[in-house]
Every structure is written in structure tokens, then in C-alpha cells.
Amino acid sequence: MRLWGGRFSAENDQRMADFTRSIELDRELAADDIAGSIAHVRGLRRAGLLTDDEVDELVGGLTGLAATVAAGGVEWDPELEDVHLNLESALAARIGSVAGKLHTGRSRNDQVATDLRLWLRRAIDRLEAALVEFERALVGLAEREGTAVLPGSTHIQPAQPVLLAHHLLAYVEMAERDRGRLADARRRANVSPLGAGALAGAGYPLDREVTASELGFDGVTANSLDAVSDRDFVVETIAAVALGMVHLSRLAEEITWWSNPQFGFVRASDAFSTGSSIMPNKKNPDPAELVRGRAARVIGALTGVLAMLKGLPLGYQRDLQEDKGPLFDAVAVFEASLGVLSGMLDTLAVDRDRMRAAADEGYTTATAVADALVRHGIPFRVAHHIVGALVAQAEEAGVGLAEVPDSMIGLALGASGDEGASALAAEEGIGDTLRAAASVDGALATCDVIGGTAPVRVAAALRAARARLDDAG
């Protein structure tokens, strides 16, 4: 028997029933629905709407039902539309007619909004733990291989040398922001809509605040219409997850390129690689590629929910049934992506020699040479021009900046037209000074500011990151 059928004299068309049911998705909320129902039962008792015996029957039945759900023992009936009607029907089969009192002072509108917030809290807590493990994988790799030197790039062109640890710590910063955004979303989601009813508020003197406290909420929603129609918390969570997936996708892109033999910077382990059905030589970083692809799926989920919400008037609309699929999928994709990338990082092999050789190419230390000239009193714009000319000469001669002879340095300084540079050309030892600055180690050492890639700064940043993660438990 339909639990809402009194108004109707004819059965629904089966096509309509199939189209509108949501049990295949929202049964994910079963444990949260039962938790909300138990708190609601106690609230009904405080309002004088249930006797102690009725409360005992209802709570006992719901507790037993929760155990059955956890054990996978519930047979979900698609004819009962959704998780709420399925559970109420199952409760009635257990304890009889007293189950009919459970829905007093409650609508499926405030019920599902409550369930979804309870589920969201648990989901965000899982994502928080997965992000911490991902950060640990990044920091672990940085501690093992972080003194390797990577050719930092801008415009996908050689720019300046950086420590691999410095590069990895950039992703730690991103993950920290992801954790912060999810924490913000959790805080705003953690208010109880229960007692808002269908849209106007419950018709009984329910103490919403006590019930909210029992469920671990920080407070209650202030407006019953907003309570049942608000899905900001869904959007905020998917938005945080989508940005997190973009961060993972950027790392996945780099792992994919770095593992190409033409780069040869890293090698993915066999445990996190696949082969080809036709090419025996292939070893593909498929997990990274799929993370990159699934980021698009999560971005689509965010766009879909925003588009669904944009035309809805206040009050519950059935369109809101469509919030769960994108939310559940986005969370599942992000959690799985964090796990698989953590595994890839834990088992990634780094070829320090290939990285170092690449860092020596492209005249990546030119900025450090210009900075050395500035420290000798040359204006930066003049220094920039001098080193640019020196790079052109070195490139033509087929040598690196750390190998240019004094004659080439003197020519570049003298041709600048700057008096200070011309005088510097005659200074004893200037060639050795500039060649030292042009070495990779010399260039790294000069970036000695907070957040810079100087080894001493990176070591401190690594220690701070490790301490922060140790505190995270």
C-alpha cells in the first residue's frame, strides 16, 4: 500500500512510477534516515505526542532495522519509491501500526534534507582523511627524493631549477586549501532542517534545537522554506570536490608526461600501470589518465546541479531529487582518485640524473646570473639585457652558462653601454662569480626566501608539513 495514497483512486502508470522512483540512489541514505527518525521519535515524546511505551517500540524497531540495513538484509521495494517509504514500511512490518506515528510532524521534504546533511558530514570526514593520506604520500616522496632537481617551467618552457620537494609541496598547499574548503562546507551544512515540515514548519511544539543537538548539528535552520529548498550545501561540497579534482588532474598530467621515456623523470610501478592489448612494449600510467578524465565528470556534476537549481522557486520541488546522483558520484570519484594517486606516489621511482640533466638544459639559471649582477650594483633591466645577450652567445657556442669563458662574459658586459657593467668587466673574479651563480646549485641557493626553493627553505617547509600531518592524526 502506498503511504501517500488516500487522495488517489487509480494506480500510477508504471512508466511514471519507474521514472519518479529514487530508491536505487537514495537507499545510500538509509543509515542517516534511521538516525534522524530515532531523534525525531524522542522529539515527539518531549512534545507529548508519544508515550514512553510507543517510544520504546519505535526506537527498538528502528535500531533493529539499522542493524539489518548495515548487514545488507533489507530488500528494497521499487514500488515504494524511495528510502523513506521503504524504511517506514519495513518498520511497520516489524512493530505493527505504531509505526504509523513515526511521520507525525515530519515531511519527506525536511526528512531528506536532514538525511542528506547527515550523509554529507560523514562523506566530508572521509574525504578529509583521504586528503591527509594524499598529503602524506606527497610529503613522503618529497622526503625520499626531494633533493632531486627539477627543471621548473613557465609556458611549458624551461624557466628556473627547483627542488622536486618544492614542486611536490605546491600540491600539499593545494590539498590544504581543499581540506579548508570542505571544512567550510561541512560547517555551513551542519544545521538541522528537521521540524521545517513540508515548507511551513511542523504543526506541533517540537523542540528542534534539542533534536538537532542529539544529531550532532550545531543548530537549526532559521527559515522553514529555505530549509526544505536549500541545496547550497550540495553545491558547495561538489564545488570543493571539483576544484580538488582539478588539482589532482594537474598532478596526474605531470606524472603522465614525466613517465614518458622522452622525459624519463619518473617510472610508475607495475602495481599502478597497465599494458596494451596489441603493443607489448607499452607501460601506461592509466590511473593518472583516468583521474584526469574523471575530473571532467565532477566538473559536469557541479554544472548540472547549478543548472538544476537556477530555475526553482522556493519550496521543495521534485527536481531536487536529482541532487543525489551528482553528489554521491563526485564524492566517490574524489575519494577513489585520492587513493589511487596516493598509491602511485608511494611507489613512484624517480630518476634523479635525468631530472638534473634536464634542469641543466634551457639556460634555466639565467635569472640567478642576472641577480648576481644586480648584487654588484647593475640595474636589473640592464642585467637582464646583459644575460640575455650572454645566453644568445652561449647558445651559439654550444655551451652552458656555467661554462662560458671570461672573454664572452667581458664582451657581454662591455656591449651593454652601461658604465657600471663596463667597469665590472675589468673586475678580477667576476667570471668565477657569474659561473658559480650559473650552476644549478648556485641558482637554487639564491632563492632563499620564505616559500622559495633554496634547499634550506624547502627542508624547513617539509618539516612543517610533516608536523602538520602528524598533528592531523
Protein backbone atom coordinates (compact mmCIF):
# COMPACT_ATOMS: atom_id res chain seq x y z
CA MET A 1 0.00 0.00 0.00
CA ARG A 2 1.31 3.42 -0.93
CA LEU A 3 1.96 5.51 2.15
CA TRP A 4 0.51 8.61 0.46
CA GLY A 5 -2.37 7.02 -1.46
CA GLY A 6 -5.51 8.32 0.26
CA ARG A 7 -6.04 11.10 -2.26
CA PHE A 8 -5.83 8.80 -5.26
CA SER A 9 -8.45 6.49 -6.78
CA ALA A 10 -6.34 5.00 -9.58
CA GLU A 11 -2.94 3.39 -9.79
CA ASN A 12 0.00 5.24 -11.29
CA ASP A 13 1.05 4.37 -14.80
CA GLN A 14 4.05 2.06 -14.48
CA ARG A 15 6.10 4.33 -16.72
CA MET A 16 5.50 7.22 -14.33
CA ALA A 17 6.32 5.07 -11.30
CA ASP A 18 9.57 3.88 -12.87
CA PHE A 19 10.51 7.41 -13.89
CA THR A 20 9.93 9.01 -10.49
CA ARG A 21 11.31 6.43 -8.09
CA SER A 22 14.69 7.10 -6.46
CA ILE A 23 15.29 4.04 -4.29
CA GLU A 24 18.24 2.89 -6.40
CA LEU A 25 20.11 6.05 -5.38
CA ASP A 26 18.71 7.28 -2.09
CA ARG A 27 18.99 3.95 -0.27
CA GLU A 28 22.55 5.26 0.30
CA LEU A 29 20.86 7.45 2.94
CA ALA A 30 19.29 4.58 4.87
CA ALA A 31 21.52 4.75 7.96
CA ASP A 32 21.12 8.52 8.13
CA ASP A 33 17.35 8.27 7.67
CA ILE A 34 17.10 5.88 10.60
CA ALA A 35 19.31 8.07 12.80
CA GLY A 36 17.10 11.06 12.01
CA SER A 37 13.98 9.03 12.72
CA ILE A 38 15.23 7.92 16.15
CA ALA A 39 15.95 11.54 17.11
CA HIS A 40 12.55 12.58 15.76
CA VAL A 41 10.79 9.91 17.85
CA ARG A 42 12.41 11.27 21.00
CA GLY A 43 11.39 14.75 19.98
CA LEU A 44 7.78 13.60 19.60
CA ARG A 45 7.93 12.20 23.14
CA ARG A 46 9.19 15.53 24.51
CA ALA A 47 6.28 17.23 22.75
CA GLY A 48 3.83 14.83 24.44
CA LEU A 49 2.84 13.14 21.17
CA LEU A 50 4.13 9.67 22.04
CA THR A 51 4.02 7.58 25.20
CA ASP A 52 7.13 6.01 26.69
CA ASP A 53 5.97 2.57 25.50
CA GLU A 54 5.50 3.85 21.97
CA VAL A 55 8.94 5.42 22.03
CA ASP A 56 10.45 2.15 23.20
CA GLU A 57 8.69 0.24 20.41
CA LEU A 58 9.67 2.72 17.73
CA VAL A 59 13.30 3.14 18.83
CA GLY A 60 13.71 -0.61 19.30
CA GLY A 61 12.26 -1.29 15.85
CA LEU A 62 14.40 1.39 14.21
CA THR A 63 17.55 0.16 15.96
CA GLY A 64 16.91 -3.38 14.76
CA LEU A 65 16.20 -2.07 11.29
CA ALA A 66 19.50 -0.18 11.30
CA ALA A 67 21.33 -3.42 12.07
CA THR A 68 19.53 -5.15 9.20
CA VAL A 69 20.46 -2.30 6.83
CA ALA A 70 24.11 -2.46 7.93
CA ALA A 71 24.13 -6.21 7.27
CA GLY A 72 22.65 -5.73 3.81
CA GLY A 73 19.49 -7.58 4.78
CA VAL A 74 16.85 -5.12 3.55
CA GLU A 75 15.02 -5.96 0.34
CA TRP A 76 14.32 -2.61 -1.32
CA ASP A 77 10.90 -2.44 -2.96
CA PRO A 78 10.88 -0.18 -6.04
CA GLU A 79 7.10 0.18 -5.74
CA LEU A 80 7.68 2.20 -2.56
CA GLU A 81 9.52 4.95 -4.44
CA ASP A 82 12.29 5.93 -2.07
CA VAL A 83 14.31 5.08 1.00
CA HIS A 84 11.91 6.84 3.38
CA LEU A 85 8.82 4.84 2.38
CA ASN A 86 10.81 1.62 2.20
CA LEU A 87 12.10 2.03 5.73
CA GLU A 88 8.74 3.08 7.15
CA SER A 89 7.11 0.07 5.50
CA ALA A 90 9.82 -2.24 6.85
CA LEU A 91 9.34 -0.75 10.32
CA ALA A 92 5.59 -1.36 10.13
CA ALA A 93 6.23 -4.98 9.23
CA ARG A 94 8.37 -5.28 12.37
CA ILE A 95 6.34 -3.45 15.02
CA GLY A 96 2.87 -3.01 13.58
CA SER A 97 0.59 0.03 13.50
CA VAL A 98 2.57 2.16 15.94
CA ALA A 99 4.99 2.72 13.03
CA GLY A 100 2.29 4.96 11.57
CA LYS A 101 3.05 7.53 14.28
CA LEU A 102 6.65 7.97 13.17
CA HIS A 103 5.84 10.53 10.49
CA THR A 104 3.97 12.85 12.85
CA GLY A 105 5.23 16.42 12.46
CA ARG A 106 7.57 15.47 9.64
CA SER A 107 7.55 15.66 5.84
CA ARG A 108 9.74 13.83 3.41
CA ASN A 109 10.89 17.34 2.48
CA ASP A 110 12.61 18.10 5.78
CA GLN A 111 13.41 14.41 6.22
CA VAL A 112 15.50 14.11 3.06
CA ALA A 113 17.19 17.46 3.69
CA THR A 114 18.21 16.18 7.12
CA ASP A 115 19.36 12.80 5.80
CA LEU A 116 21.47 14.42 3.10
CA ARG A 117 23.22 16.72 5.59
CA LEU A 118 23.96 13.77 7.87
CA TRP A 119 25.36 11.80 4.93
CA LEU A 120 27.39 14.80 3.81
CA ARG A 121 29.08 15.14 7.19
CA ARG A 122 30.25 11.55 7.04
CA ALA A 123 31.37 11.92 3.43
CA ILE A 124 33.39 15.05 4.14
CA ASP A 125 35.04 13.36 7.10
CA ARG A 126 36.11 10.51 4.79
CA LEU A 127 37.44 12.97 2.23
CA GLU A 128 39.36 14.79 4.94
CA ALA A 129 41.07 11.52 5.89
CA ALA A 130 41.80 10.72 2.23
CA LEU A 131 43.29 14.18 1.65
CA VAL A 132 45.55 13.77 4.67
CA GLU A 133 46.78 10.44 3.27
CA PHE A 134 47.37 12.07 -0.10
CA GLU A 135 49.41 14.80 1.56
CA ARG A 136 51.39 12.14 3.43
CA ALA A 137 52.17 10.47 0.11
CA LEU A 138 53.38 13.77 -1.34
CA VAL A 139 55.48 14.57 1.71
CA GLY A 140 56.84 11.02 1.83
CA LEU A 141 58.02 11.25 -1.77
CA ALA A 142 59.48 14.70 -1.09
CA GLU A 143 61.40 13.34 1.89
CA ARG A 144 62.73 10.38 -0.12
CA GLU A 145 63.58 12.12 -3.37
CA GLY A 146 63.08 15.80 -2.70
CA THR A 147 66.69 16.87 -3.20
CA ALA A 148 66.37 15.84 -6.84
CA VAL A 149 66.42 18.92 -9.08
CA LEU A 150 63.57 19.51 -11.48
CA PRO A 151 63.52 21.93 -14.40
CA GLY A 152 60.79 24.32 -13.29
CA SER A 153 58.85 25.73 -16.21
CA THR A 154 56.55 28.53 -17.27
CA HIS A 155 54.70 28.48 -20.60
CA ILE A 156 55.81 24.81 -20.68
CA GLN A 157 59.33 26.11 -21.37
CA PRO A 158 62.47 25.77 -19.20
CA ALA A 159 62.40 28.52 -16.58
CA GLN A 160 64.36 28.01 -13.34
CA PRO A 161 65.60 24.96 -11.49
CA VAL A 162 63.57 23.90 -8.45
CA LEU A 163 63.83 21.04 -5.99
CA LEU A 164 61.41 18.20 -6.63
CA ALA A 165 60.36 18.57 -3.00
CA HIS A 166 59.44 22.19 -3.66
CA HIS A 167 57.29 21.12 -6.60
CA LEU A 168 55.55 18.42 -4.56
CA LEU A 169 54.94 20.79 -1.67
CA ALA A 170 52.98 23.03 -4.05
CA TYR A 171 50.43 20.20 -4.28
CA VAL A 172 50.43 19.91 -0.50
CA GLU A 173 49.38 23.57 -0.39
CA MET A 174 46.56 22.84 -2.83
CA ALA A 175 45.39 19.89 -0.75
CA GLU A 176 45.43 22.02 2.38
CA ARG A 177 43.13 24.52 0.66
CA ASP A 178 40.90 21.63 -0.43
CA ARG A 179 40.64 20.50 3.17
CA GLY A 180 39.77 24.03 4.23
CA ARG A 181 37.03 24.38 1.62
CA LEU A 182 35.48 21.06 2.62
CA ALA A 183 35.63 22.05 6.30
CA ASP A 184 33.84 25.30 5.46
CA ALA A 185 31.18 23.41 3.51
CA ARG A 186 30.72 20.97 6.40
CA ARG A 187 30.31 23.80 8.89
CA ARG A 188 27.61 25.52 6.85
CA ALA A 189 25.85 22.21 6.17
CA ASN A 190 25.77 21.27 9.84
CA VAL A 191 22.39 22.78 10.73
CA SER A 192 19.22 20.76 11.08
CA PRO A 193 16.19 21.21 8.81
CA LEU A 194 14.18 18.68 10.85
CA GLY A 195 10.97 20.32 12.06
CA ALA A 196 10.59 22.51 8.98
CA GLY A 197 7.86 20.16 7.75
CA ALA A 198 6.79 20.35 4.14
CA LEU A 199 7.52 24.09 3.93
CA ALA A 200 5.72 25.98 6.72
CA GLY A 201 7.12 24.35 9.86
CA ALA A 202 5.86 21.47 11.99
CA GLY A 203 2.33 21.77 13.39
CA TYR A 204 3.39 20.54 16.82
CA PRO A 205 5.53 22.05 19.61
CA LEU A 206 8.73 20.22 18.67
CA ASP A 207 11.95 21.35 20.30
CA ARG A 208 14.01 21.50 17.14
CA GLU A 209 17.18 22.59 18.91
CA VAL A 210 17.29 19.61 21.27
CA THR A 211 16.69 17.20 18.39
CA ALA A 212 19.40 18.94 16.34
CA SER A 213 21.83 18.60 19.23
CA GLU A 214 21.08 14.88 19.51
CA LEU A 215 22.01 14.50 15.85
CA GLY A 216 25.26 16.41 16.26
CA PHE A 217 24.14 19.54 14.43
CA ASP A 218 25.42 22.94 15.50
CA GLY A 219 21.95 24.49 15.32
CA VAL A 220 18.74 24.60 13.30
CA THR A 221 17.74 26.26 10.07
CA ALA A 222 16.13 29.66 10.63
CA ASN A 223 13.51 29.57 7.88
CA SER A 224 11.34 26.57 7.03
CA LEU A 225 11.02 27.45 3.34
CA ASP A 226 14.75 27.80 2.96
CA ALA A 227 15.29 24.62 4.97
CA VAL A 228 13.47 22.36 2.51
CA SER A 229 14.56 24.06 -0.73
CA ASP A 230 18.20 24.86 0.11
CA ARG A 231 20.85 22.80 -1.63
CA ASP A 232 23.70 25.27 -1.21
CA PHE A 233 25.48 22.68 0.90
CA VAL A 234 25.37 20.22 -2.01
CA VAL A 235 26.73 22.82 -4.42
CA GLU A 236 29.47 23.92 -2.02
CA THR A 237 30.63 20.36 -1.47
CA ILE A 238 30.65 19.45 -5.15
CA ALA A 239 32.43 22.73 -5.90
CA ALA A 240 35.13 21.92 -3.34
CA VAL A 241 35.41 18.41 -4.74
CA ALA A 242 35.55 19.68 -8.33
CA LEU A 243 38.42 22.03 -7.51
CA GLY A 244 40.15 19.21 -5.64
CA MET A 245 39.79 17.03 -8.74
CA VAL A 246 41.29 19.82 -10.87
CA HIS A 247 44.30 19.82 -8.53
CA LEU A 248 44.63 16.05 -8.82
CA SER A 249 44.26 16.30 -12.59
CA ARG A 250 47.16 18.73 -12.79
CA LEU A 251 49.39 16.32 -10.89
CA ALA A 252 48.13 13.42 -13.00
CA GLU A 253 49.04 15.35 -16.14
CA GLU A 254 52.59 15.86 -14.87
CA ILE A 255 53.01 12.21 -13.87
CA THR A 256 51.80 11.19 -17.32
CA TRP A 257 54.35 13.39 -19.07
CA TRP A 258 57.20 12.70 -16.65
CA SER A 259 56.79 8.94 -17.08
CA ASN A 260 57.14 9.23 -20.87
CA PRO A 261 60.62 7.85 -21.72
CA GLN A 262 61.42 11.05 -23.61
CA PHE A 263 61.29 12.77 -20.22
CA GLY A 264 62.19 9.77 -18.09
CA PHE A 265 61.88 11.70 -14.84
CA VAL A 266 59.77 9.05 -13.08
CA ARG A 267 58.65 5.45 -13.51
CA ALA A 268 55.26 4.28 -12.31
CA SER A 269 55.32 0.93 -10.55
CA ASP A 270 53.80 -2.13 -12.22
CA ALA A 271 51.13 -2.08 -9.50
CA PHE A 272 49.86 1.24 -10.83
CA SER A 273 50.35 0.72 -14.58
CA THR A 274 48.65 -1.15 -17.39
CA GLY A 275 49.77 -2.56 -20.73
CA SER A 276 48.44 -2.61 -24.26
CA SER A 277 46.39 -5.32 -25.93
CA ILE A 278 48.45 -5.00 -29.11
CA MET A 279 51.77 -3.30 -28.27
CA PRO A 280 53.93 -5.46 -25.97
CA ASN A 281 56.26 -2.57 -25.17
CA LYS A 282 53.68 -0.33 -23.58
CA LYS A 283 53.53 0.61 -19.92
CA ASN A 284 50.76 3.13 -19.39
CA PRO A 285 50.04 5.31 -16.32
CA ASP A 286 46.31 4.65 -16.69
CA PRO A 287 45.29 5.62 -13.14
CA ALA A 288 46.68 9.11 -13.68
CA GLU A 289 44.94 9.38 -17.04
CA LEU A 290 41.61 8.31 -15.53
CA VAL A 291 41.95 10.85 -12.72
CA ARG A 292 42.42 13.46 -15.41
CA GLY A 293 39.34 12.21 -17.27
CA ARG A 294 37.13 11.90 -14.21
CA ALA A 295 37.89 15.47 -13.20
CA ALA A 296 35.75 16.42 -16.19
CA ARG A 297 32.94 14.24 -14.84
CA VAL A 298 32.97 16.02 -11.49
CA ILE A 299 33.06 19.44 -13.13
CA GLY A 300 30.00 18.30 -15.08
CA ALA A 301 28.28 17.30 -11.84
CA LEU A 302 28.79 20.79 -10.44
CA THR A 303 27.46 22.41 -13.60
CA GLY A 304 24.46 20.07 -13.61
CA VAL A 305 23.40 20.84 -10.04
CA LEU A 306 23.79 24.59 -10.54
CA ALA A 307 21.71 24.40 -13.73
CA MET A 308 19.06 22.33 -11.93
CA LEU A 309 18.75 24.86 -9.11
CA LYS A 310 18.74 28.05 -11.13
CA GLY A 311 15.06 27.98 -12.12
CA LEU A 312 13.47 26.60 -8.94
CA PRO A 313 11.03 28.68 -6.90
CA LEU A 314 11.04 28.38 -3.13
CA GLY A 315 9.66 25.28 -1.52
CA TYR A 316 10.50 21.68 -2.29
CA GLN A 317 10.38 20.76 -5.98
CA ARG A 318 10.79 17.23 -7.30
CA ASP A 319 13.76 18.47 -9.33
CA LEU A 320 15.71 18.31 -6.07
CA GLN A 321 15.61 14.53 -6.28
CA GLU A 322 18.34 14.99 -8.90
CA ASP A 323 20.88 16.35 -6.40
CA LYS A 324 21.95 12.97 -5.05
CA GLY A 325 23.38 11.31 -8.13
CA PRO A 326 25.89 14.09 -8.87
CA LEU A 327 26.81 14.49 -5.19
CA PHE A 328 27.30 10.79 -4.50
CA ASP A 329 29.29 10.31 -7.69
CA ALA A 330 31.50 13.38 -7.18
CA VAL A 331 32.41 12.31 -3.65
CA ALA A 332 33.09 8.71 -4.72
CA VAL A 333 35.28 9.82 -7.64
CA PHE A 334 37.31 12.22 -5.49
CA GLU A 335 37.83 9.68 -2.72
CA ALA A 336 38.93 6.99 -5.17
CA SER A 337 41.18 9.40 -7.08
CA LEU A 338 42.92 10.48 -3.88
CA GLY A 339 43.50 6.84 -3.01
CA VAL A 340 44.93 5.79 -6.37
CA LEU A 341 47.22 8.83 -6.68
CA SER A 342 48.46 8.27 -3.13
CA GLY A 343 49.37 4.73 -4.17
CA MET A 344 51.14 5.95 -7.31
CA LEU A 345 53.18 8.46 -5.31
CA ASP A 346 54.09 5.89 -2.65
CA THR A 347 55.54 3.59 -5.33
CA LEU A 348 56.91 6.14 -7.81
CA ALA A 349 60.58 5.76 -8.84
CA VAL A 350 62.48 8.98 -9.54
CA ASP A 351 65.41 9.23 -11.96
CA ARG A 352 67.46 11.99 -10.38
CA ASP A 353 70.07 12.01 -13.14
CA ARG A 354 67.51 12.56 -15.89
CA MET A 355 65.87 15.34 -13.91
CA ARG A 356 69.21 17.01 -13.20
CA ALA A 357 70.28 16.79 -16.83
CA ALA A 358 67.01 18.42 -17.90
CA ALA A 359 67.47 21.15 -15.28
CA ASP A 360 70.85 21.93 -16.85
CA GLU A 361 69.22 22.50 -20.24
CA GLY A 362 67.48 25.62 -21.48
CA TYR A 363 69.69 28.07 -19.58
CA THR A 364 67.43 27.82 -16.53
CA THR A 365 69.98 29.56 -14.29
CA ALA A 366 69.96 32.82 -16.30
CA THR A 367 67.83 34.63 -13.71
CA ALA A 368 70.32 33.75 -10.99
CA VAL A 369 73.13 35.21 -13.13
CA ALA A 370 71.13 38.43 -13.60
CA ASP A 371 70.57 38.56 -9.84
CA ALA A 372 74.32 38.18 -9.29
CA LEU A 373 74.92 41.21 -11.49
CA VAL A 374 72.34 43.19 -9.52
CA ARG A 375 74.23 42.34 -6.33
CA HIS A 376 77.23 44.00 -7.98
CA GLY A 377 75.29 47.23 -8.49
CA ILE A 378 73.95 46.70 -12.01
CA PRO A 379 70.30 47.78 -12.53
CA PHE A 380 68.10 44.77 -13.08
CA ARG A 381 66.90 45.82 -16.53
CA VAL A 382 70.49 46.24 -17.65
CA ALA A 383 71.43 42.91 -16.04
CA HIS A 384 68.51 41.23 -17.78
CA HIS A 385 69.75 42.53 -21.16
CA ILE A 386 73.36 41.50 -20.47
CA VAL A 387 72.41 37.95 -19.50
CA GLY A 388 70.05 37.66 -22.46
CA ALA A 389 72.94 38.55 -24.76
CA LEU A 390 75.18 36.11 -22.90
CA VAL A 391 72.61 33.33 -23.35
CA ALA A 392 72.48 34.03 -27.09
CA GLN A 393 76.27 33.82 -27.33
CA ALA A 394 76.42 30.67 -25.21
CA GLU A 395 73.71 29.03 -27.28
CA GLU A 396 75.59 29.81 -30.47
CA ALA A 397 78.81 28.44 -28.97
CA GLY A 398 77.00 25.33 -27.69
CA VAL A 399 77.98 25.80 -24.03
CA GLY A 400 76.07 26.26 -20.81
CA LEU A 401 76.10 29.43 -18.74
CA ALA A 402 78.27 27.75 -16.14
CA GLU A 403 80.90 27.11 -18.86
CA VAL A 404 81.11 30.48 -20.63
CA PRO A 405 84.67 31.87 -20.75
CA ASP A 406 85.76 35.19 -19.29
CA SER A 407 86.09 36.65 -22.78
CA MET A 408 82.44 36.02 -23.55
CA ILE A 409 81.37 37.50 -20.19
CA GLY A 410 83.55 40.56 -20.73
CA LEU A 411 82.09 41.08 -24.20
CA ALA A 412 78.52 40.94 -22.92
CA LEU A 413 79.25 43.35 -20.08
CA GLY A 414 81.12 45.79 -22.29
CA ALA A 415 78.47 45.77 -25.06
CA SER A 416 75.70 46.78 -22.63
CA GLY A 417 76.54 50.51 -22.82
CA ASP A 418 76.25 50.73 -19.00
CA GLU A 419 79.22 52.31 -17.22
CA GLY A 420 78.87 50.07 -14.19
CA ALA A 421 78.79 46.96 -16.32
CA SER A 422 81.81 48.09 -18.32
CA ALA A 423 83.72 48.69 -15.11
CA LEU A 424 82.59 45.30 -13.77
CA ALA A 425 84.08 43.61 -16.86
CA ALA A 426 87.54 44.52 -15.62
CA GLU A 427 86.91 43.33 -12.06
CA GLU A 428 89.02 40.33 -11.13
CA GLY A 429 87.00 37.17 -10.43
CA ILE A 430 83.72 38.37 -11.94
CA GLY A 431 83.75 35.43 -14.35
CA ASP A 432 84.04 32.93 -11.49
CA THR A 433 81.24 34.72 -9.61
CA LEU A 434 78.85 34.58 -12.55
CA ARG A 435 79.71 30.98 -13.43
CA ALA A 436 79.04 29.97 -9.82
CA ALA A 437 75.67 31.73 -9.97
CA ALA A 438 75.01 29.89 -13.24
CA SER A 439 75.38 26.48 -11.63
CA VAL A 440 72.16 24.69 -10.69
CA ASP A 441 73.17 24.50 -7.03
CA GLY A 442 74.10 28.16 -7.03
CA ALA A 443 70.80 29.16 -8.60
CA LEU A 444 68.84 27.09 -6.09
CA ALA A 445 70.68 28.57 -3.12
CA THR A 446 69.88 32.15 -4.11
CA CYS A 447 66.09 31.64 -3.83
CA ASP A 448 66.39 31.92 -0.06
CA VAL A 449 63.06 33.47 0.93
CA ILE A 450 60.02 32.06 2.68
CA GLY A 451 58.31 29.86 0.12
CA GLY A 452 61.40 29.71 -2.09
CA THR A 453 63.20 26.69 -3.49
CA ALA A 454 66.51 27.17 -1.64
CA PRO A 455 67.31 23.80 0.00
CA VAL A 456 67.29 25.28 3.50
CA ARG A 457 63.82 26.76 2.93
CA VAL A 458 62.44 23.58 1.39
CA ALA A 459 63.79 21.48 4.26
CA ALA A 460 62.01 23.76 6.74
CA ALA A 461 58.79 23.62 4.73
CA LEU A 462 58.97 19.83 4.65
CA ARG A 463 59.43 19.64 8.40
CA ALA A 464 56.45 21.94 8.91
CA ALA A 465 54.30 19.87 6.55
CA ARG A 466 55.25 16.63 8.29
CA ALA A 467 54.49 18.11 11.72
CA ARG A 468 51.12 19.38 10.48
CA LEU A 469 50.23 15.93 9.14
CA ASP A 470 51.37 14.25 12.36
CA ASP A 471 49.01 16.54 14.24
CA ALA A 472 46.19 15.57 11.87
CA GLY A 473 46.32 12.06 13.33
